Amino acid sequence: MRIIFMGTPEFAVPTLQALVDTAHEVVCVYTQPPRPGGRRGRELTPTPVHQRAADLGIEVRHPKSLKSAEEQEAFAALDADVAVVAAYGLILPQAVLDAPKFGCLNVHASILPHWRGAAPIHRAVMAGDPVTGVTIMQMEAGLDTGPMLATARTPIEDKTTGELTEELAEIGAQLMVGTLIDLTMLHPLRQDDAQATYAAKIDKAEARIDWSKPADEIERQVRGLAPFPGAWFELGGDRVKLLRAEMAEGTGNAGEVIDERMAIACGTGAIRPVRLQRAGRPAMDLDTFLRGNAVAKGTILT
């Protein structure tokens, strides 16, 4: 098939690669414009999808918007059978949705209609969902409201958002390849809007740990925000990211360090850090962290 691929972050790269590996003709890649990055933010850094497409010798376009008639005409002129979309980051106008023969298919990292929106993996982990997955959806004007073509599931268990993102990226790539093979035989299933939940973009304020909350909720917050933006607390006036934690025994006041290996009392229960990162330092396991940052029993964390 003649395919336009539209994606931006690392999550989208496996799908692009899978389309190329299965001998589809990816005629063009659309991605977000390069952003300031590199040393001190001086250099413009292409997105992960841009970099992979360049390596594959595929034309890359990165318009800031698809609203203009010129951009829409350029998109339609590619004469694609289908557009495959994975975490692209721009709203697709109706003219773009309608241009390919089979429309635009989206790789969405949840089991729709659960967790429509910008941060489905984070929200599933933080909510304590037992499973998540990927849905291949026929795109329409609404926010992740289109009919579903295929789904795949995986248990969340104790995985972080980072770990799940890598896993779901691979699942989504293979699910999309299979969907394209069977595309003309599939029967789209309308979503039940009454069952929909929404995965709002992560707000920076959500990353600060509130020790008055239950330990299991904080542990999910830690996994859900790892590796980015990272749940954090203050220690000695410095911000410390907590990238992995486990449930611990003991009681105390909320935020109190209750043993020599930094178990921390919460509103109910306690957690113990497993992996931490001090501002400006690399991430490290608890024992390494404590060797350079002794935290006495009885310390109150804010």
C-alpha atoms as a PDB file:
ATOM      1  CA  MET A   1       0.000   0.000   0.000  1.00  0.00           C
ATOM      2  CA  ARG A   2       1.014   3.626  -0.500  1.00  0.00           C
ATOM      3  CA  ILE A   3       1.226   4.945   3.034  1.00  0.00           C
ATOM      4  CA  ILE A   4       1.715   8.346   4.629  1.00  0.00           C
ATOM      5  CA  PHE A   5       3.157   7.902   8.108  1.00  0.00           C
ATOM      6  CA  MET A   6       2.486  10.517  10.784  1.00  0.00           C
ATOM      7  CA  GLY A   7       4.269  10.274  14.138  1.00  0.00           C
ATOM      8  CA  THR A   8       6.723  12.029  16.410  1.00  0.00           C
ATOM      9  CA  PRO A   9       8.164  10.322  19.546  1.00  0.00           C
ATOM     10  CA  GLU A  10      10.074   7.090  20.066  1.00  0.00           C
ATOM     11  CA  PHE A  11       6.733   5.285  20.575  1.00  0.00           C
ATOM     12  CA  ALA A  12       5.956   5.750  16.871  1.00  0.00           C
ATOM     13  CA  VAL A  13       9.294   4.506  15.491  1.00  0.00           C
ATOM     14  CA  PRO A  14       8.561   0.734  15.642  1.00  0.00           C
ATOM     15  CA  THR A  15       5.380   1.209  13.607  1.00  0.00           C
ATOM     16  CA  LEU A  16       7.241   3.147  10.909  1.00  0.00           C
ATOM     17  CA  GLN A  17       9.958   0.499  10.809  1.00  0.00           C
ATOM     18  CA  ALA A  18       7.417  -2.342  10.649  1.00  0.00           C
ATOM     19  CA  LEU A  19       5.651  -0.753   7.672  1.00  0.00           C
ATOM     20  CA  VAL A  20       8.947  -0.489   5.813  1.00  0.00           C
ATOM     21  CA  ASP A  21      10.000  -4.023   6.785  1.00  0.00           C
ATOM     22  CA  THR A  22       6.749  -5.476   5.400  1.00  0.00           C
ATOM     23  CA  ALA A  23       7.365  -3.854   2.006  1.00  0.00           C
ATOM     24  CA  HIS A  24       4.712  -1.169   2.122  1.00  0.00           C
ATOM     25  CA  GLU A  25       5.606   1.987   0.222  1.00  0.00           C
ATOM     26  CA  VAL A  26       5.907   4.751   2.786  1.00  0.00           C
ATOM     27  CA  VAL A  27       5.754   7.717   0.441  1.00  0.00           C
ATOM     28  CA  CYS A  28       6.195  10.448   3.054  1.00  0.00           C
ATOM     29  CA  VAL A  29       6.593  10.942   6.792  1.00  0.00           C
ATOM     30  CA  TYR A  30       4.952  13.789   8.707  1.00  0.00           C
ATOM     31  CA  THR A  31       6.332  14.691  12.113  1.00  0.00           C
ATOM     32  CA  GLN A  32       6.621  17.610  14.524  1.00  0.00           C
ATOM     33  CA  PRO A  33       9.181  20.309  13.664  1.00  0.00           C
ATOM     34  CA  PRO A  34      12.677  20.043  15.164  1.00  0.00           C
ATOM     35  CA  ARG A  35      12.858  21.465  18.682  1.00  0.00           C
ATOM     36  CA  PRO A  36      15.708  23.156  20.539  1.00  0.00           C
ATOM     37  CA  GLY A  37      17.878  20.509  22.123  1.00  0.00           C
ATOM     38  CA  GLY A  38      21.459  19.419  22.378  1.00  0.00           C
ATOM     39  CA  ARG A  39      23.950  21.372  24.429  1.00  0.00           C
ATOM     40  CA  ARG A  40      22.253  24.277  26.208  1.00  0.00           C
ATOM     41  CA  GLY A  41      19.307  23.968  23.834  1.00  0.00           C
ATOM     42  CA  ARG A  42      21.076  25.768  21.012  1.00  0.00           C
ATOM     43  CA  GLU A  43      20.732  23.152  18.286  1.00  0.00           C
ATOM     44  CA  LEU A  44      17.458  22.129  16.686  1.00  0.00           C
ATOM     45  CA  THR A  45      16.941  18.400  17.224  1.00  0.00           C
ATOM     46  CA  PRO A  46      14.815  16.329  14.826  1.00  0.00           C
ATOM     47  CA  THR A  47      12.181  14.069  16.363  1.00  0.00           C
ATOM     48  CA  PRO A  48      12.902  10.328  16.727  1.00  0.00           C
ATOM     49  CA  VAL A  49      10.549   9.611  13.806  1.00  0.00           C
ATOM     50  CA  HIS A  50      12.295  12.259  11.669  1.00  0.00           C
ATOM     51  CA  GLN A  51      15.664  10.678  12.381  1.00  0.00           C
ATOM     52  CA  ARG A  52      14.506   7.152  11.527  1.00  0.00           C
ATOM     53  CA  ALA A  53      12.767   8.312   8.340  1.00  0.00           C
ATOM     54  CA  ALA A  54      15.933  10.111   7.247  1.00  0.00           C
ATOM     55  CA  ASP A  55      17.931   6.931   7.874  1.00  0.00           C
ATOM     56  CA  LEU A  56      15.440   5.046   5.720  1.00  0.00           C
ATOM     57  CA  GLY A  57      15.630   7.615   2.920  1.00  0.00           C
ATOM     58  CA  ILE A  58      11.984   8.680   3.206  1.00  0.00           C
ATOM     59  CA  GLU A  59      10.836  12.234   2.539  1.00  0.00           C
ATOM     60  CA  VAL A  60      10.053  14.076   5.782  1.00  0.00           C
ATOM     61  CA  ARG A  61       7.663  16.998   6.219  1.00  0.00           C
ATOM     62  CA  HIS A  62       7.201  18.871   9.474  1.00  0.00           C
ATOM     63  CA  PRO A  63       4.575  21.599   9.087  1.00  0.00           C
ATOM     64  CA  LYS A  64       3.541  23.495  12.207  1.00  0.00           C
ATOM     65  CA  SER A  65      -0.079  23.101  11.161  1.00  0.00           C
ATOM     66  CA  LEU A  66      -2.192  21.238   8.600  1.00  0.00           C
ATOM     67  CA  LYS A  67      -4.963  23.842   8.521  1.00  0.00           C
ATOM     68  CA  SER A  68      -3.909  25.706   5.391  1.00  0.00           C
ATOM     69  CA  ALA A  69      -5.270  24.799   1.966  1.00  0.00           C
ATOM     70  CA  GLU A  70      -1.707  24.524   0.664  1.00  0.00           C
ATOM     71  CA  GLU A  71      -0.718  21.917   3.248  1.00  0.00           C
ATOM     72  CA  GLN A  72      -3.908  19.952   2.688  1.00  0.00           C
ATOM     73  CA  GLU A  73      -3.412  19.970  -1.075  1.00  0.00           C
ATOM     74  CA  ALA A  74       0.189  18.801  -0.669  1.00  0.00           C
ATOM     75  CA  PHE A  75      -1.011  15.973   1.575  1.00  0.00           C
ATOM     76  CA  ALA A  76      -3.727  14.887  -0.878  1.00  0.00           C
ATOM     77  CA  ALA A  77      -1.277  15.032  -3.790  1.00  0.00           C
ATOM     78  CA  LEU A  78       0.633  12.105  -2.263  1.00  0.00           C
ATOM     79  CA  ASP A  79      -2.276   9.925  -3.426  1.00  0.00           C
ATOM     80  CA  ALA A  80      -1.971   7.557  -0.461  1.00  0.00           C
ATOM     81  CA  ASP A  81      -4.043   4.461   0.165  1.00  0.00           C
ATOM     82  CA  VAL A  82      -3.951   5.108   3.911  1.00  0.00           C
ATOM     83  CA  ALA A  83      -2.318   7.344   6.513  1.00  0.00           C
ATOM     84  CA  VAL A  84      -0.942   5.593   9.590  1.00  0.00           C
ATOM     85  CA  VAL A  85      -0.809   7.835  12.660  1.00  0.00           C
ATOM     86  CA  ALA A  86       1.055   7.141  15.926  1.00  0.00           C
ATOM     87  CA  ALA A  87       1.413   9.905  18.523  1.00  0.00           C
ATOM     88  CA  TYR A  88       1.737  12.602  15.870  1.00  0.00           C
ATOM     89  CA  GLY A  89       0.749  15.557  18.040  1.00  0.00           C
ATOM     90  CA  LEU A  90      -1.308  17.669  15.620  1.00  0.00           C
ATOM     91  CA  ILE A  91      -5.053  17.761  15.052  1.00  0.00           C
ATOM     92  CA  LEU A  92      -5.901  16.391  11.606  1.00  0.00           C
ATOM     93  CA  PRO A  93      -8.457  18.531   9.731  1.00  0.00           C
ATOM     94  CA  GLN A  94     -11.319  16.753   7.993  1.00  0.00           C
ATOM     95  CA  ALA A  95      -9.718  17.325   4.579  1.00  0.00           C
ATOM     96  CA  VAL A  96      -6.663  15.390   5.736  1.00  0.00           C
ATOM     97  CA  LEU A  97      -8.740  12.619   7.307  1.00  0.00           C
ATOM     98  CA  ASP A  98     -10.628  12.189   4.049  1.00  0.00           C
ATOM     99  CA  ALA A  99      -7.697  12.370   1.611  1.00  0.00           C
ATOM    100  CA  PRO A 100      -6.325   8.778   1.669  1.00  0.00           C
ATOM    101  CA  LYS A 101      -8.414   6.062   0.048  1.00  0.00           C
ATOM    102  CA  PHE A 102      -8.893   4.215   3.346  1.00  0.00           C
ATOM    103  CA  GLY A 103      -8.652   7.282   5.560  1.00  0.00           C
ATOM    104  CA  CYS A 104      -6.342   7.626   8.583  1.00  0.00           C
ATOM    105  CA  LEU A 105      -5.660   4.815  11.053  1.00  0.00           C
ATOM    106  CA  ASN A 106      -4.367   5.595  14.539  1.00  0.00           C
ATOM    107  CA  VAL A 107      -2.235   3.484  16.887  1.00  0.00           C
ATOM    108  CA  HIS A 108      -3.633   4.447  20.312  1.00  0.00           C
ATOM    109  CA  ALA A 109      -2.005   3.157  23.507  1.00  0.00           C
ATOM    110  CA  SER A 110      -5.099   2.099  25.432  1.00  0.00           C
ATOM    111  CA  ILE A 111      -8.079  -0.206  25.155  1.00  0.00           C
ATOM    112  CA  LEU A 112     -10.609   2.268  23.839  1.00  0.00           C
ATOM    113  CA  PRO A 113     -12.916   3.840  24.842  1.00  0.00           C
ATOM    114  CA  HIS A 114     -10.905   3.746  28.078  1.00  0.00           C
ATOM    115  CA  TRP A 115      -8.284   6.503  28.317  1.00  0.00           C
ATOM    116  CA  ARG A 116      -8.917   8.611  25.261  1.00  0.00           C
ATOM    117  CA  GLY A 117      -6.533  11.535  25.073  1.00  0.00           C
ATOM    118  CA  ALA A 118      -2.940  12.604  25.526  1.00  0.00           C
ATOM    119  CA  ALA A 119      -1.501  10.433  28.329  1.00  0.00           C
ATOM    120  CA  PRO A 120      -3.192   7.006  28.235  1.00  0.00           C
ATOM    121  CA  ILE A 121      -0.221   4.985  29.514  1.00  0.00           C
ATOM    122  CA  HIS A 122       0.517   7.298  32.435  1.00  0.00           C
ATOM    123  CA  ARG A 123      -3.144   7.356  33.455  1.00  0.00           C
ATOM    124  CA  ALA A 124      -3.606   3.591  33.256  1.00  0.00           C
ATOM    125  CA  VAL A 125      -0.617   2.989  35.534  1.00  0.00           C
ATOM    126  CA  MET A 126      -1.563   5.710  38.011  1.00  0.00           C
ATOM    127  CA  ALA A 127      -5.158   4.477  38.192  1.00  0.00           C
ATOM    128  CA  GLY A 128      -4.056   0.944  39.055  1.00  0.00           C
ATOM    129  CA  ASP A 129      -5.575  -0.669  35.965  1.00  0.00           C
ATOM    130  CA  PRO A 130      -4.665  -4.373  35.764  1.00  0.00           C
ATOM    131  CA  VAL A 131      -4.312  -4.361  31.973  1.00  0.00           C
ATOM    132  CA  THR A 132      -3.785  -1.921  29.141  1.00  0.00           C
ATOM    133  CA  GLY A 133      -3.176  -2.345  25.434  1.00  0.00           C
ATOM    134  CA  VAL A 134      -3.324  -0.879  21.962  1.00  0.00           C
ATOM    135  CA  THR A 135      -6.293  -0.041  19.762  1.00  0.00           C
ATOM    136  CA  ILE A 136      -6.151   0.515  16.008  1.00  0.00           C
ATOM    137  CA  MET A 137      -8.824   3.097  15.300  1.00  0.00           C
ATOM    138  CA  GLN A 138     -10.284   4.695  12.180  1.00  0.00           C
ATOM    139  CA  MET A 139      -9.759   8.387  12.862  1.00  0.00           C
ATOM    140  CA  GLU A 140     -12.560  10.924  12.808  1.00  0.00           C
ATOM    141  CA  ALA A 141     -12.955  14.513  14.005  1.00  0.00           C
ATOM    142  CA  GLY A 142     -13.519  13.653  17.704  1.00  0.00           C
ATOM    143  CA  LEU A 143     -10.769  12.983  20.246  1.00  0.00           C
ATOM    144  CA  ASP A 144     -10.017   9.251  19.856  1.00  0.00           C
ATOM    145  CA  THR A 145     -13.694   8.571  19.195  1.00  0.00           C
ATOM    146  CA  GLY A 146     -13.435   6.692  15.888  1.00  0.00           C
ATOM    147  CA  PRO A 147     -14.512   3.101  15.235  1.00  0.00           C
ATOM    148  CA  MET A 148     -12.110   0.367  16.350  1.00  0.00           C
ATOM    149  CA  LEU A 149     -10.508  -2.103  13.958  1.00  0.00           C
ATOM    150  CA  ALA A 150      -8.295  -4.171  16.260  1.00  0.00           C
ATOM    151  CA  THR A 151      -7.126  -4.371  19.880  1.00  0.00           C
ATOM    152  CA  ALA A 152      -4.365  -6.136  21.802  1.00  0.00           C
ATOM    153  CA  ARG A 153      -3.867  -6.361  25.570  1.00  0.00           C
ATOM    154  CA  THR A 154      -0.993  -6.718  28.032  1.00  0.00           C
ATOM    155  CA  PRO A 155      -0.879  -6.847  31.853  1.00  0.00           C
ATOM    156  CA  ILE A 156       0.473  -3.766  33.627  1.00  0.00           C
ATOM    157  CA  GLU A 157       1.790  -5.576  36.747  1.00  0.00           C
ATOM    158  CA  ASP A 158       4.648  -3.503  38.239  1.00  0.00           C
ATOM    159  CA  LYS A 159       5.770  -1.865  34.984  1.00  0.00           C
ATOM    160  CA  THR A 160       6.616   1.810  34.716  1.00  0.00           C
ATOM    161  CA  THR A 161       5.198   4.074  32.039  1.00  0.00           C
ATOM    162  CA  GLY A 162       8.583   3.935  30.303  1.00  0.00           C
ATOM    163  CA  GLU A 163       8.604   0.136  30.230  1.00  0.00           C
ATOM    164  CA  LEU A 164       4.994  -0.052  29.062  1.00  0.00           C
ATOM    165  CA  THR A 165       5.605   2.534  26.358  1.00  0.00           C
ATOM    166  CA  GLU A 166       8.344   0.386  24.831  1.00  0.00           C
ATOM    167  CA  GLU A 167       6.194  -2.737  25.065  1.00  0.00           C
ATOM    168  CA  LEU A 168       3.082  -1.120  23.607  1.00  0.00           C
ATOM    169  CA  ALA A 169       5.088   0.460  20.793  1.00  0.00           C
ATOM    170  CA  GLU A 170       6.110  -3.011  19.597  1.00  0.00           C
ATOM    171  CA  ILE A 171       2.618  -4.431  20.095  1.00  0.00           C
ATOM    172  CA  GLY A 172       1.117  -1.512  18.178  1.00  0.00           C
ATOM    173  CA  ALA A 173       3.544  -1.920  15.295  1.00  0.00           C
ATOM    174  CA  GLN A 174       2.639  -5.562  14.763  1.00  0.00           C
ATOM    175  CA  LEU A 175      -1.066  -4.909  15.290  1.00  0.00           C
ATOM    176  CA  MET A 176      -1.012  -2.222  12.605  1.00  0.00           C
ATOM    177  CA  VAL A 177       0.769  -4.516  10.144  1.00  0.00           C
ATOM    178  CA  GLY A 178      -1.873  -7.183  10.698  1.00  0.00           C
ATOM    179  CA  THR A 179      -4.682  -4.652  10.420  1.00  0.00           C
ATOM    180  CA  LEU A 180      -3.461  -3.466   7.020  1.00  0.00           C
ATOM    181  CA  ILE A 181      -3.334  -7.045   5.744  1.00  0.00           C
ATOM    182  CA  ASP A 182      -6.984  -7.584   6.691  1.00  0.00           C
ATOM    183  CA  LEU A 183      -8.181  -4.019   6.177  1.00  0.00           C
ATOM    184  CA  THR A 184     -10.825  -4.658   3.526  1.00  0.00           C
ATOM    185  CA  MET A 185     -12.315  -7.549   5.524  1.00  0.00           C
ATOM    186  CA  LEU A 186     -12.521  -5.886   8.948  1.00  0.00           C
ATOM    187  CA  HIS A 187     -15.803  -4.650  10.416  1.00  0.00           C
ATOM    188  CA  PRO A 188     -15.245  -1.449  12.405  1.00  0.00           C
ATOM    189  CA  LEU A 189     -16.763  -1.454  15.880  1.00  0.00           C
ATOM    190  CA  ARG A 190     -18.251   1.783  17.177  1.00  0.00           C
ATOM    191  CA  GLN A 191     -17.051   2.870  20.595  1.00  0.00           C
ATOM    192  CA  ASP A 192     -19.473   3.104  23.499  1.00  0.00           C
ATOM    193  CA  ASP A 193     -19.165   6.755  24.476  1.00  0.00           C
ATOM    194  CA  ALA A 194     -20.853   6.044  27.806  1.00  0.00           C
ATOM    195  CA  GLN A 195     -17.833   3.927  28.798  1.00  0.00           C
ATOM    196  CA  ALA A 196     -15.239   6.545  27.810  1.00  0.00           C
ATOM    197  CA  THR A 197     -12.613   7.877  30.214  1.00  0.00           C
ATOM    198  CA  TYR A 198     -10.115  10.621  29.430  1.00  0.00           C
ATOM    199  CA  ALA A 199      -6.354  10.659  29.843  1.00  0.00           C
ATOM    200  CA  ALA A 200      -5.571  14.317  30.397  1.00  0.00           C
ATOM    201  CA  LYS A 201      -2.055  15.546  29.716  1.00  0.00           C
ATOM    202  CA  ILE A 202       0.188  15.218  32.765  1.00  0.00           C
ATOM    203  CA  ASP A 203       0.386  18.484  34.682  1.00  0.00           C
ATOM    204  CA  LYS A 204       3.707  19.336  36.330  1.00  0.00           C
ATOM    205  CA  ALA A 205       1.920  19.838  39.638  1.00  0.00           C
ATOM    206  CA  GLU A 206       0.970  16.137  39.663  1.00  0.00           C
ATOM    207  CA  ALA A 207       4.609  15.110  39.904  1.00  0.00           C
ATOM    208  CA  ARG A 208       5.160  16.384  43.442  1.00  0.00           C
ATOM    209  CA  ILE A 209       4.615  13.598  45.978  1.00  0.00           C
ATOM    210  CA  ASP A 210       2.005  14.205  48.670  1.00  0.00           C
ATOM    211  CA  TRP A 211       3.084  11.912  51.512  1.00  0.00           C
ATOM    212  CA  SER A 212      -0.365  12.117  53.102  1.00  0.00           C
ATOM    213  CA  LYS A 213      -1.742   9.881  50.350  1.00  0.00           C
ATOM    214  CA  PRO A 214      -1.875   6.071  50.722  1.00  0.00           C
ATOM    215  CA  ALA A 215       1.346   4.193  49.988  1.00  0.00           C
ATOM    216  CA  ASP A 216      -0.118   2.175  47.124  1.00  0.00           C
ATOM    217  CA  GLU A 217      -1.313   5.344  45.397  1.00  0.00           C
ATOM    218  CA  ILE A 218       2.131   6.942  45.724  1.00  0.00           C
ATOM    219  CA  GLU A 219       3.808   3.800  44.382  1.00  0.00           C
ATOM    220  CA  ARG A 220       1.555   3.946  41.311  1.00  0.00           C
ATOM    221  CA  GLN A 221       2.285   7.663  40.926  1.00  0.00           C
ATOM    222  CA  VAL A 222       6.010   6.860  40.926  1.00  0.00           C
ATOM    223  CA  ARG A 223       5.650   4.166  38.243  1.00  0.00           C
ATOM    224  CA  GLY A 224       3.184   6.208  36.240  1.00  0.00           C
ATOM    225  CA  LEU A 225       5.502   9.208  36.018  1.00  0.00           C
ATOM    226  CA  ALA A 226       8.733   7.272  35.425  1.00  0.00           C
ATOM    227  CA  PRO A 227      10.945   8.126  33.693  1.00  0.00           C
ATOM    228  CA  PHE A 228       9.310  11.447  32.755  1.00  0.00           C
ATOM    229  CA  PRO A 229       8.442  13.822  34.281  1.00  0.00           C
ATOM    230  CA  GLY A 230       9.333  11.836  37.404  1.00  0.00           C
ATOM    231  CA  ALA A 231       7.555  11.968  40.765  1.00  0.00           C
ATOM    232  CA  TRP A 232       9.617  14.044  43.201  1.00  0.00           C
ATOM    233  CA  PHE A 233      10.088  15.255  46.762  1.00  0.00           C
ATOM    234  CA  GLU A 234      12.492  17.627  48.484  1.00  0.00           C
ATOM    235  CA  LEU A 235      15.476  16.514  50.543  1.00  0.00           C
ATOM    236  CA  GLY A 236      17.768  19.095  52.108  1.00  0.00           C
ATOM    237  CA  GLY A 237      16.352  21.765  49.819  1.00  0.00           C
ATOM    238  CA  ASP A 238      17.060  19.759  46.662  1.00  0.00           C
ATOM    239  CA  ARG A 239      14.554  18.097  44.395  1.00  0.00           C
ATOM    240  CA  VAL A 240      14.869  14.297  44.225  1.00  0.00           C
ATOM    241  CA  LYS A 241      13.046  12.238  41.610  1.00  0.00           C
ATOM    242  CA  LEU A 242      11.714   8.886  42.749  1.00  0.00           C
ATOM    243  CA  LEU A 243      11.825   6.587  39.715  1.00  0.00           C
ATOM    244  CA  ARG A 244      10.962   3.276  41.375  1.00  0.00           C
ATOM    245  CA  ALA A 245       9.587   2.382  44.804  1.00  0.00           C
ATOM    246  CA  GLU A 246       8.269  -0.655  46.631  1.00  0.00           C
ATOM    247  CA  MET A 247       5.853  -1.184  49.483  1.00  0.00           C
ATOM    248  CA  ALA A 248       7.480  -1.269  52.929  1.00  0.00           C
ATOM    249  CA  GLU A 249       6.618  -2.195  56.500  1.00  0.00           C
ATOM    250  CA  GLY A 250       6.258   0.290  59.334  1.00  0.00           C
ATOM    251  CA  THR A 251       4.286   3.328  60.430  1.00  0.00           C
ATOM    252  CA  GLY A 252       4.974   6.952  61.222  1.00  0.00           C
ATOM    253  CA  ASN A 253       3.927  10.469  60.388  1.00  0.00           C
ATOM    254  CA  ALA A 254       3.358  11.166  56.699  1.00  0.00           C
ATOM    255  CA  GLY A 255       6.718  11.867  55.053  1.00  0.00           C
ATOM    256  CA  GLU A 256       8.776  10.509  57.954  1.00  0.00           C
ATOM    257  CA  VAL A 257      11.782   8.275  57.250  1.00  0.00           C
ATOM    258  CA  ILE A 258      11.107   5.303  59.538  1.00  0.00           C
ATOM    259  CA  ASP A 259      14.193   3.097  59.177  1.00  0.00           C
ATOM    260  CA  GLU A 260      17.858   3.174  58.209  1.00  0.00           C
ATOM    261  CA  ARG A 261      17.128   2.221  54.562  1.00  0.00           C
ATOM    262  CA  MET A 262      14.817   5.132  53.921  1.00  0.00           C
ATOM    263  CA  ALA A 263      11.396   3.548  54.248  1.00  0.00           C
ATOM    264  CA  ILE A 264       8.961   6.479  54.196  1.00  0.00           C
ATOM    265  CA  ALA A 265       5.631   6.595  56.019  1.00  0.00           C
ATOM    266  CA  CYS A 266       2.645   7.654  53.949  1.00  0.00           C
ATOM    267  CA  GLY A 267      -0.940   8.536  54.843  1.00  0.00           C
ATOM    268  CA  THR A 268      -1.485   4.795  55.189  1.00  0.00           C
ATOM    269  CA  GLY A 269       1.330   2.275  54.822  1.00  0.00           C
ATOM    270  CA  ALA A 270       4.880   3.020  53.719  1.00  0.00           C
ATOM    271  CA  ILE A 271       7.123   2.836  50.665  1.00  0.00           C
ATOM    272  CA  ARG A 272      10.833   2.364  50.171  1.00  0.00           C
ATOM    273  CA  PRO A 273      12.697   4.061  47.310  1.00  0.00           C
ATOM    274  CA  VAL A 274      14.375   1.662  44.883  1.00  0.00           C
ATOM    275  CA  ARG A 275      15.753   4.077  42.307  1.00  0.00           C
ATOM    276  CA  LEU A 276      16.288   7.828  42.764  1.00  0.00           C
ATOM    277  CA  GLN A 277      17.777  10.785  40.946  1.00  0.00           C
ATOM    278  CA  ARG A 278      19.016  13.970  42.588  1.00  0.00           C
ATOM    279  CA  ALA A 279      18.834  17.143  40.506  1.00  0.00           C
ATOM    280  CA  GLY A 280      21.770  17.300  38.107  1.00  0.00           C
ATOM    281  CA  ARG A 281      22.897  13.751  38.928  1.00  0.00           C
ATOM    282  CA  PRO A 282      22.428  10.381  37.209  1.00  0.00           C
ATOM    283  CA  ALA A 283      19.762   7.979  38.434  1.00  0.00           C
ATOM    284  CA  MET A 284      21.010   5.419  40.978  1.00  0.00           C
ATOM    285  CA  ASP A 285      19.794   2.570  43.155  1.00  0.00           C
ATOM    286  CA  LEU A 286      18.987   3.160  46.826  1.00  0.00           C
ATOM    287  CA  ASP A 287      22.233   1.853  48.301  1.00  0.00           C
ATOM    288  CA  THR A 288      24.344   3.989  45.981  1.00  0.00           C
ATOM    289  CA  PHE A 289      22.169   7.012  46.715  1.00  0.00           C
ATOM    290  CA  LEU A 290      22.471   6.567  50.493  1.00  0.00           C
ATOM    291  CA  ARG A 291      26.261   6.307  50.333  1.00  0.00           C
ATOM    292  CA  GLY A 292      26.390   9.853  49.026  1.00  0.00           C
ATOM    293  CA  ASN A 293      23.221  11.176  50.648  1.00  0.00           C
ATOM    294  CA  ALA A 294      22.759   9.820  54.174  1.00  0.00           C
ATOM    295  CA  VAL A 295      19.136  10.129  55.270  1.00  0.00           C
ATOM    296  CA  ALA A 296      18.716   9.646  59.005  1.00  0.00           C
ATOM    297  CA  LYS A 297      15.776   7.843  60.534  1.00  0.00           C
ATOM    298  CA  GLY A 298      13.278  10.462  61.713  1.00  0.00           C
ATOM    299  CA  THR A 299      13.937  12.836  58.807  1.00  0.00           C
ATOM    300  CA  ILE A 300      10.736  14.508  57.595  1.00  0.00           C
ATOM    301  CA  LEU A 301      10.501  14.803  53.816  1.00  0.00           C
ATOM    302  CA  THR A 302       8.541  17.619  52.230  1.00  0.00           C
END
